[in-house]
């Protein structure tokens, strides 16, 4: 009886530790996704890189959303060349650059086409009509979802004058320039 109580207590303790660990990991991931969302919101326009035959192909894309799982969402033409490229190789790189704020983001992920009407309606804004004049009824309208595997960012939200001063200070003092915050977010 005492042994059973001891075993039960050990099992209960492991469950508590496991739940706290999972909760802490979930909170850390949510914090990382929030950081990613905030950085992307500052830039919005991305360069999406796909593989085309024996070379890489880049094009600008307006980000529609960064969801709670860290997925990037873009409106796209379902019949465009990039969709053909993604069917052959769904691995993509997505880059954001905001030189005026010294913010840079490089994202690696897996892209796929989404034609779900409910998701289209959720993310749709009237500005989409500039590319798809028929709006939600445009037969070419689709979404591109990029499942983020890893994001790397550099964020030094200083003005150009402050950045220049800090670079100059590093040169004069012989100390290494501190470019600001740099981090990696892993969502694999």
Protein backbone atom coordinates (compact mmCIF):
# COMPACT_ATOMS: atom_id res chain seq x y z
CA UNK A 1 0.00 0.00 0.00
CA UNK A 2 2.77 2.43 0.92
CA UNK A 3 4.68 1.44 -2.22
CA UNK A 4 1.58 2.10 -4.38
CA UNK A 5 1.18 5.54 -2.80
CA UNK A 6 4.85 6.26 -3.47
CA UNK A 7 4.57 5.23 -7.15
CA UNK A 8 1.36 7.25 -7.54
CA UNK A 9 3.11 10.31 -6.04
CA UNK A 10 6.08 9.93 -8.41
CA UNK A 11 3.76 9.65 -11.42
CA UNK A 12 1.81 12.72 -10.29
CA UNK A 13 5.08 14.67 -9.83
CA UNK A 14 6.24 13.74 -13.35
CA UNK A 15 2.90 14.86 -14.80
CA UNK A 16 3.18 18.22 -13.02
CA UNK A 17 6.76 18.74 -14.23
CA UNK A 18 5.84 17.69 -17.77
CA UNK A 19 2.82 20.03 -17.87
CA UNK A 20 4.91 22.96 -16.60
CA UNK A 21 7.62 22.23 -19.18
CA UNK A 22 5.06 22.05 -21.99
CA UNK A 23 3.40 25.23 -20.73
CA UNK A 24 6.74 27.06 -20.60
CA UNK A 25 7.63 25.86 -24.12
CA UNK A 26 4.22 26.98 -25.41
CA UNK A 27 4.64 30.41 -23.80
CA UNK A 28 8.14 30.76 -25.29
CA UNK A 29 6.86 29.80 -28.76
CA UNK A 30 3.93 32.22 -28.46
CA UNK A 31 6.37 34.97 -27.50
CA UNK A 32 8.61 34.15 -30.47
CA UNK A 33 5.65 34.19 -32.87
CA UNK A 34 4.53 37.54 -31.44
CA UNK A 35 8.05 38.90 -32.04
CA UNK A 36 7.97 37.59 -35.63
CA UNK A 37 4.50 39.06 -36.22
CA UNK A 38 5.59 42.49 -34.91
CA UNK A 39 8.71 42.54 -37.09
CA UNK A 40 6.80 41.47 -40.23
CA UNK A 41 4.04 44.02 -39.56
CA UNK A 42 6.67 46.78 -39.67
CA UNK A 43 7.80 45.73 -43.16
CA UNK A 44 4.82 43.95 -44.82
CA UNK A 45 6.37 43.53 -48.30
CA UNK A 46 8.47 40.39 -48.63
CA UNK A 47 10.68 38.86 -51.27
CA UNK A 48 9.50 35.30 -51.81
CA UNK A 49 12.20 33.03 -53.25
CA UNK A 50 11.32 29.77 -55.00
CA UNK A 51 13.39 27.30 -56.98
CA UNK A 52 12.85 27.45 -60.75
CA UNK A 53 14.64 24.72 -62.67
CA UNK A 54 18.35 25.30 -61.95
CA UNK A 55 18.11 28.76 -60.38
CA UNK A 56 16.30 30.75 -57.71
CA UNK A 57 13.45 33.11 -58.56
CA UNK A 58 12.43 36.07 -56.38
CA UNK A 59 9.36 38.25 -56.42
CA UNK A 60 7.79 40.80 -54.06
CA UNK A 61 4.68 39.73 -52.15
CA UNK A 62 2.43 41.67 -49.76
CA UNK A 63 1.97 39.79 -46.49
CA UNK A 64 -1.69 39.38 -45.54
CA UNK A 65 -1.17 37.76 -42.15
CA UNK A 66 1.15 36.04 -39.72
CA UNK A 67 -1.12 33.65 -37.84
CA UNK A 68 -0.87 32.28 -34.29
CA UNK A 69 1.28 29.37 -35.49
CA UNK A 70 3.78 31.65 -37.29
CA UNK A 71 2.48 30.82 -40.78
CA UNK A 72 2.77 33.56 -43.38
CA UNK A 73 -0.20 34.21 -45.68
CA UNK A 74 -0.15 35.88 -49.10
CA UNK A 75 -2.82 36.34 -51.76
CA UNK A 76 -1.72 34.91 -55.09
CA UNK A 77 -2.83 33.86 -58.54
CA UNK A 78 -3.61 30.16 -58.40
CA UNK A 79 -2.33 29.73 -61.96
CA UNK A 80 0.94 31.69 -61.69
CA UNK A 81 4.39 30.31 -62.40
CA UNK A 82 5.31 30.37 -58.71
CA UNK A 83 2.60 27.76 -58.02
CA UNK A 84 4.12 25.48 -60.66
CA UNK A 85 7.53 26.00 -59.03
CA UNK A 86 6.13 25.19 -55.57
CA UNK A 87 4.52 22.00 -56.83
CA UNK A 88 8.00 20.81 -57.84
CA UNK A 89 9.74 22.08 -54.69
CA UNK A 90 7.73 23.66 -51.84
CA UNK A 91 10.82 24.94 -49.95
CA UNK A 92 10.94 28.74 -49.91
CA UNK A 93 12.83 31.63 -48.45
CA UNK A 94 11.00 34.80 -47.49
CA UNK A 95 12.96 37.97 -46.75
CA UNK A 96 11.88 41.27 -45.28
CA UNK A 97 13.99 44.41 -45.19
CA UNK A 98 13.30 47.76 -43.55
CA UNK A 99 16.53 49.77 -43.81
CA UNK A 100 14.98 52.89 -42.29
CA UNK A 101 14.42 50.94 -39.05
CA UNK A 102 17.41 48.61 -39.45
CA UNK A 103 15.12 45.58 -39.33
CA UNK A 104 15.83 42.49 -41.43
CA UNK A 105 14.12 39.08 -41.40
CA UNK A 106 14.99 35.85 -43.22
CA UNK A 107 12.43 33.03 -43.07
CA UNK A 108 12.77 29.46 -44.26
CA UNK A 109 9.61 27.43 -44.77
CA UNK A 110 7.35 25.16 -46.78
CA UNK A 111 4.76 26.79 -49.06
CA UNK A 112 1.47 25.50 -50.31
CA UNK A 113 -1.62 26.69 -52.14
CA UNK A 114 -4.83 27.22 -50.15
CA UNK A 115 -8.19 27.77 -51.89
CA UNK A 116 -10.42 27.50 -48.82
CA UNK A 117 -13.23 30.07 -49.25
CA UNK A 118 -13.54 30.72 -45.49
CA UNK A 119 -9.81 31.54 -45.20
CA UNK A 120 -9.99 33.76 -48.30
CA UNK A 121 -12.89 35.69 -46.73
CA UNK A 122 -11.08 35.94 -43.39
CA UNK A 123 -7.97 37.56 -44.90
CA UNK A 124 -9.58 39.49 -47.75
CA UNK A 125 -9.41 43.29 -47.84
CA UNK A 126 -10.72 45.63 -50.56
CA UNK A 127 -7.10 46.46 -51.52
CA UNK A 128 -6.83 42.96 -53.03
CA UNK A 129 -9.04 44.20 -55.91
CA UNK A 130 -5.99 46.06 -57.28
CA UNK A 131 -4.61 42.65 -58.33
CA UNK A 132 -7.85 40.68 -58.53
CA UNK A 133 -10.56 43.05 -59.90
CA UNK A 134 -13.36 40.53 -59.31
CA UNK A 135 -12.46 40.37 -55.62
CA UNK A 136 -13.45 37.19 -53.84
CA UNK A 137 -15.22 35.99 -56.99
CA UNK A 138 -12.03 36.13 -59.07
CA UNK A 139 -11.40 32.55 -60.28
CA UNK A 140 -7.61 33.04 -59.99
CA UNK A 141 -7.72 34.22 -56.35
CA UNK A 142 -5.98 31.90 -53.91
CA UNK A 143 -3.75 32.03 -50.86
CA UNK A 144 -0.17 31.00 -50.44
CA UNK A 145 0.60 29.66 -46.98
CA UNK A 146 4.20 29.48 -45.84
CA UNK A 147 4.69 27.23 -42.83
CA UNK A 148 7.62 28.87 -41.07
CA UNK A 149 10.33 26.41 -40.12
CA UNK A 150 12.89 28.98 -39.00
CA UNK A 151 13.07 32.75 -38.87
CA UNK A 152 16.20 34.76 -38.25
CA UNK A 153 16.04 38.45 -37.53
CA UNK A 154 18.24 41.46 -36.99
CA UNK A 155 16.55 44.39 -35.27
CA UNK A 156 18.30 47.61 -34.45
CA UNK A 157 15.42 50.03 -34.37
CA UNK A 158 17.66 53.07 -34.21
CA UNK A 159 17.60 56.08 -36.46
CA UNK A 160 20.24 56.38 -39.18
CA UNK A 161 21.96 59.10 -37.18
CA UNK A 162 22.19 56.91 -34.06
CA UNK A 163 23.40 53.98 -36.16
CA UNK A 164 26.02 56.17 -37.84
CA UNK A 165 27.18 57.48 -34.44
CA UNK A 166 27.47 53.94 -33.02
CA UNK A 167 29.46 52.73 -36.06
CA UNK A 168 31.76 55.76 -35.76
CA UNK A 169 32.15 55.14 -32.03
CA UNK A 170 33.13 51.53 -32.70
CA UNK A 171 35.74 52.63 -35.25
CA UNK A 172 37.23 55.28 -32.94
CA UNK A 173 37.29 53.09 -29.81
CA UNK A 174 38.32 49.91 -31.62
CA UNK A 175 35.37 48.05 -30.12
CA UNK A 176 33.03 45.86 -32.13
CA UNK A 177 29.86 47.54 -33.39
CA UNK A 178 26.71 46.32 -31.64
CA UNK A 179 24.15 46.01 -34.43
CA UNK A 180 21.22 45.44 -32.06
CA UNK A 181 19.09 42.40 -31.40
CA UNK A 182 19.70 39.24 -33.41
CA UNK A 183 17.79 36.04 -32.90
CA UNK A 184 16.47 32.81 -34.36
CA UNK A 185 12.97 31.45 -34.05
CA UNK A 186 12.57 27.71 -34.64
CA UNK A 187 9.06 26.45 -35.34
CA UNK A 188 9.83 23.06 -36.88
